[in-house]
C-alpha atoms as a PDB file:
ATOM      1  CA  UNK A   1      18.192 -16.872  24.550  1.00  0.00           C
ATOM      2  CA  UNK A   2      19.480 -18.108  27.779  1.00  0.00           C
ATOM      3  CA  UNK A   3      22.935 -17.443  27.012  1.00  0.00           C
ATOM      4  CA  UNK A   4      22.109 -14.123  26.244  1.00  0.00           C
ATOM      5  CA  UNK A   5      20.879 -13.843  29.806  1.00  0.00           C
ATOM      6  CA  UNK A   6      23.391 -14.982  31.333  1.00  0.00           C
ATOM      7  CA  UNK A   7      25.490 -12.890  29.839  1.00  0.00           C
ATOM      8  CA  UNK A   8      22.968  -9.667  30.835  1.00  0.00           C
ATOM      9  CA  UNK A   9      23.279 -10.921  34.488  1.00  0.00           C
ATOM     10  CA  UNK A  10      26.936 -11.263  34.353  1.00  0.00           C
ATOM     11  CA  UNK A  11      27.515  -7.969  32.796  1.00  0.00           C
ATOM     12  CA  UNK A  12      25.200  -6.209  35.283  1.00  0.00           C
ATOM     13  CA  UNK A  13      26.938  -7.871  37.656  1.00  0.00           C
ATOM     14  CA  UNK A  14      30.818  -6.739  36.723  1.00  0.00           C
ATOM     15  CA  UNK A  15      29.516  -3.471  36.442  1.00  0.00           C
ATOM     16  CA  UNK A  16      27.904  -3.057  40.241  1.00  0.00           C
ATOM     17  CA  UNK A  17      31.565  -4.088  41.399  1.00  0.00           C
ATOM     18  CA  UNK A  18      32.738  -1.860  39.305  1.00  0.00           C
ATOM     19  CA  UNK A  19      31.020   0.806  40.844  1.00  0.00           C
ATOM     20  CA  UNK A  20      31.390  -0.330  43.990  1.00  0.00           C
ATOM     21  CA  UNK A  21      35.387  -0.272  44.072  1.00  0.00           C
ATOM     22  CA  UNK A  22      35.274   2.749  42.309  1.00  0.00           C
ATOM     23  CA  UNK A  23      32.981   4.693  45.135  1.00  0.00           C
ATOM     24  CA  UNK A  24      34.459   7.127  46.825  1.00  0.00           C
ATOM     25  CA  UNK A  25      34.657   7.473  50.707  1.00  0.00           C
ATOM     26  CA  UNK A  26      35.664  11.009  50.650  1.00  0.00           C
ATOM     27  CA  UNK A  27      33.735  13.461  52.243  1.00  0.00           C
ATOM     28  CA  UNK A  28      32.781  14.134  55.936  1.00  0.00           C
ATOM     29  CA  UNK A  29      31.122  11.224  57.922  1.00  0.00           C
ATOM     30  CA  UNK A  30      29.158  10.895  61.381  1.00  0.00           C
ATOM     31  CA  UNK A  31      29.764   8.046  62.985  1.00  0.00           C
ATOM     32  CA  UNK A  32      27.430   6.041  65.236  1.00  0.00           C
ATOM     33  CA  UNK A  33      28.935   3.601  67.826  1.00  0.00           C
ATOM     34  CA  UNK A  34      26.902   1.306  70.422  1.00  0.00           C
ATOM     35  CA  UNK A  35      30.160  -0.621  72.267  1.00  0.00           C
ATOM     36  CA  UNK A  36      29.162  -2.448  75.127  1.00  0.00           C
ATOM     37  CA  UNK A  37      25.874  -0.668  75.524  1.00  0.00           C
ATOM     38  CA  UNK A  38      27.514   3.153  75.559  1.00  0.00           C
ATOM     39  CA  UNK A  39      26.326   5.164  72.274  1.00  0.00           C
ATOM     40  CA  UNK A  40      28.745   7.889  71.099  1.00  0.00           C
ATOM     41  CA  UNK A  41      29.006   9.949  67.916  1.00  0.00           C
ATOM     42  CA  UNK A  42      31.980  10.857  66.194  1.00  0.00           C
ATOM     43  CA  UNK A  43      32.363  13.198  63.195  1.00  0.00           C
ATOM     44  CA  UNK A  44      35.704  12.223  60.667  1.00  0.00           C
ATOM     45  CA  UNK A  45      36.824  13.596  57.656  1.00  0.00           C
ATOM     46  CA  UNK A  46      37.397  11.103  55.519  1.00  0.00           C
ATOM     47  CA  UNK A  47      39.907  11.345  52.394  1.00  0.00           C
ATOM     48  CA  UNK A  48      40.271   8.574  49.890  1.00  0.00           C
ATOM     49  CA  UNK A  49      43.017   7.789  47.676  1.00  0.00           C
ATOM     50  CA  UNK A  50      42.915   5.039  45.670  1.00  0.00           C
ATOM     51  CA  UNK A  51      42.080   2.502  48.363  1.00  0.00           C
ATOM     52  CA  UNK A  52      44.041   4.237  51.097  1.00  0.00           C
ATOM     53  CA  UNK A  53      41.589   6.329  53.597  1.00  0.00           C
ATOM     54  CA  UNK A  54      43.173   8.567  56.113  1.00  0.00           C
ATOM     55  CA  UNK A  55      40.726  11.138  58.076  1.00  0.00           C
ATOM     56  CA  UNK A  56      40.599  13.488  61.061  1.00  0.00           C
ATOM     57  CA  UNK A  57      38.038  12.958  63.392  1.00  0.00           C
ATOM     58  CA  UNK A  58      36.740  14.761  66.152  1.00  0.00           C
ATOM     59  CA  UNK A  59      33.978  13.827  69.228  1.00  0.00           C
ATOM     60  CA  UNK A  60      33.594  14.535  72.784  1.00  0.00           C
ATOM     61  CA  UNK A  61      37.130  13.450  73.560  1.00  0.00           C
ATOM     62  CA  UNK A  62      39.079  15.555  71.677  1.00  0.00           C
ATOM     63  CA  UNK A  63      40.545  14.948  67.719  1.00  0.00           C
ATOM     64  CA  UNK A  64      41.720  11.685  66.788  1.00  0.00           C
ATOM     65  CA  UNK A  65      43.420  10.735  63.245  1.00  0.00           C
ATOM     66  CA  UNK A  66      42.405   7.921  61.717  1.00  0.00           C
ATOM     67  CA  UNK A  67      44.081   5.608  58.666  1.00  0.00           C
ATOM     68  CA  UNK A  68      42.261   2.397  57.098  1.00  0.00           C
ATOM     69  CA  UNK A  69      42.115   0.650  53.395  1.00  0.00           C
ATOM     70  CA  UNK A  70      38.983   0.297  51.370  1.00  0.00           C
ATOM     71  CA  UNK A  71      38.235  -2.740  49.626  1.00  0.00           C
ATOM     72  CA  UNK A  72      35.741  -2.890  47.172  1.00  0.00           C
ATOM     73  CA  UNK A  73      32.976  -1.949  48.988  1.00  0.00           C
ATOM     74  CA  UNK A  74      35.045  -3.732  52.513  1.00  0.00           C
ATOM     75  CA  UNK A  75      35.989  -0.545  54.362  1.00  0.00           C
ATOM     76  CA  UNK A  76      38.334  -0.541  58.101  1.00  0.00           C
ATOM     77  CA  UNK A  77      40.288   2.004  59.670  1.00  0.00           C
ATOM     78  CA  UNK A  78      41.656   2.786  62.806  1.00  0.00           C
ATOM     79  CA  UNK A  79      40.708   5.712  64.949  1.00  0.00           C
ATOM     80  CA  UNK A  80      43.949   6.539  67.259  1.00  0.00           C
ATOM     81  CA  UNK A  81      42.119   8.879  70.125  1.00  0.00           C
ATOM     82  CA  UNK A  82      42.555   8.710  74.509  1.00  0.00           C
ATOM     83  CA  UNK A  83      40.488   8.467  76.918  1.00  0.00           C
ATOM     84  CA  UNK A  84      41.064  10.201  80.191  1.00  0.00           C
ATOM     85  CA  UNK A  85      44.321  10.350  79.484  1.00  0.00           C
ATOM     86  CA  UNK A  86      45.425   6.620  78.239  1.00  0.00           C
ATOM     87  CA  UNK A  87      45.863   5.918  74.342  1.00  0.00           C
ATOM     88  CA  UNK A  88      42.607   4.277  72.982  1.00  0.00           C
ATOM     89  CA  UNK A  89      42.911   2.155  69.440  1.00  0.00           C
ATOM     90  CA  UNK A  90      39.199   1.757  67.955  1.00  0.00           C
ATOM     91  CA  UNK A  91      39.446  -0.629  65.236  1.00  0.00           C
ATOM     92  CA  UNK A  92      36.271  -0.540  62.283  1.00  0.00           C
ATOM     93  CA  UNK A  93      35.250  -3.137  60.040  1.00  0.00           C
ATOM     94  CA  UNK A  94      32.254  -2.078  57.908  1.00  0.00           C
ATOM     95  CA  UNK A  95      30.699  -2.555  54.102  1.00  0.00           C
ATOM     96  CA  UNK A  96      29.916   0.279  52.293  1.00  0.00           C
ATOM     97  CA  UNK A  97      26.681   0.625  50.977  1.00  0.00           C
ATOM     98  CA  UNK A  98      26.570   3.395  48.011  1.00  0.00           C
ATOM     99  CA  UNK A  99      23.168   3.400  47.326  1.00  0.00           C
ATOM    100  CA  UNK A 100      22.231   4.317  50.984  1.00  0.00           C
ATOM    101  CA  UNK A 101      25.494   6.080  51.325  1.00  0.00           C
ATOM    102  CA  UNK A 102      26.454   4.653  54.872  1.00  0.00           C
ATOM    103  CA  UNK A 103      28.962   2.135  56.309  1.00  0.00           C
ATOM    104  CA  UNK A 104      28.029  -0.277  58.604  1.00  0.00           C
ATOM    105  CA  UNK A 105      29.850  -3.383  60.817  1.00  0.00           C
ATOM    106  CA  UNK A 106      31.528  -3.588  64.062  1.00  0.00           C
ATOM    107  CA  UNK A 107      34.014  -1.960  65.915  1.00  0.00           C
ATOM    108  CA  UNK A 108      36.792  -3.251  68.801  1.00  0.00           C
ATOM    109  CA  UNK A 109      38.473  -1.220  71.220  1.00  0.00           C
ATOM    110  CA  UNK A 110      41.599  -3.167  71.620  1.00  0.00           C
ATOM    111  CA  UNK A 111      42.359  -1.281  76.005  1.00  0.00           C
ATOM    112  CA  UNK A 112      39.077  -2.419  77.075  1.00  0.00           C
ATOM    113  CA  UNK A 113      38.511  -6.136  75.433  1.00  0.00           C
ATOM    114  CA  UNK A 114      34.975  -4.811  73.755  1.00  0.00           C
ATOM    115  CA  UNK A 115      32.960  -4.929  70.701  1.00  0.00           C
ATOM    116  CA  UNK A 116      30.344  -3.117  69.464  1.00  0.00           C
ATOM    117  CA  UNK A 117      28.602  -1.812  66.339  1.00  0.00           C
ATOM    118  CA  UNK A 118      28.829   1.369  64.189  1.00  0.00           C
ATOM    119  CA  UNK A 119      26.876   2.902  61.329  1.00  0.00           C
ATOM    120  CA  UNK A 120      28.562   5.712  59.999  1.00  0.00           C
ATOM    121  CA  UNK A 121      26.510   8.176  57.135  1.00  0.00           C
ATOM    122  CA  UNK A 122      27.581  10.518  55.016  1.00  0.00           C
ATOM    123  CA  UNK A 123      27.361  14.182  54.912  1.00  0.00           C
ATOM    124  CA  UNK A 124      25.598  15.451  58.303  1.00  0.00           C
END
């Protein structure tokens, strides 16, 4: 009986891992940033092709492009944008929660040496 229970636990864990691996980030997302006490929102349209991630994003500072990767439930992407005419690179590292339909994690803005956190929600 114990081995049957362990087999069921391992099987359900494998199914959950497979579901997370097969979940797609493709779609419209609103990213809420809190970086060094400054809050902002960015709307991005992500496209996932296998492990590769691309996006077109819009914020109060204009349009920007993003590229990244998806590995299971780990999502990383970089948004290349401008702030007051200067290039800005924001690097995001997060975890995709398919049940809550959100991505949350940390963001680093290289040019200003500041960090923060973000939450991205799908379909807004």
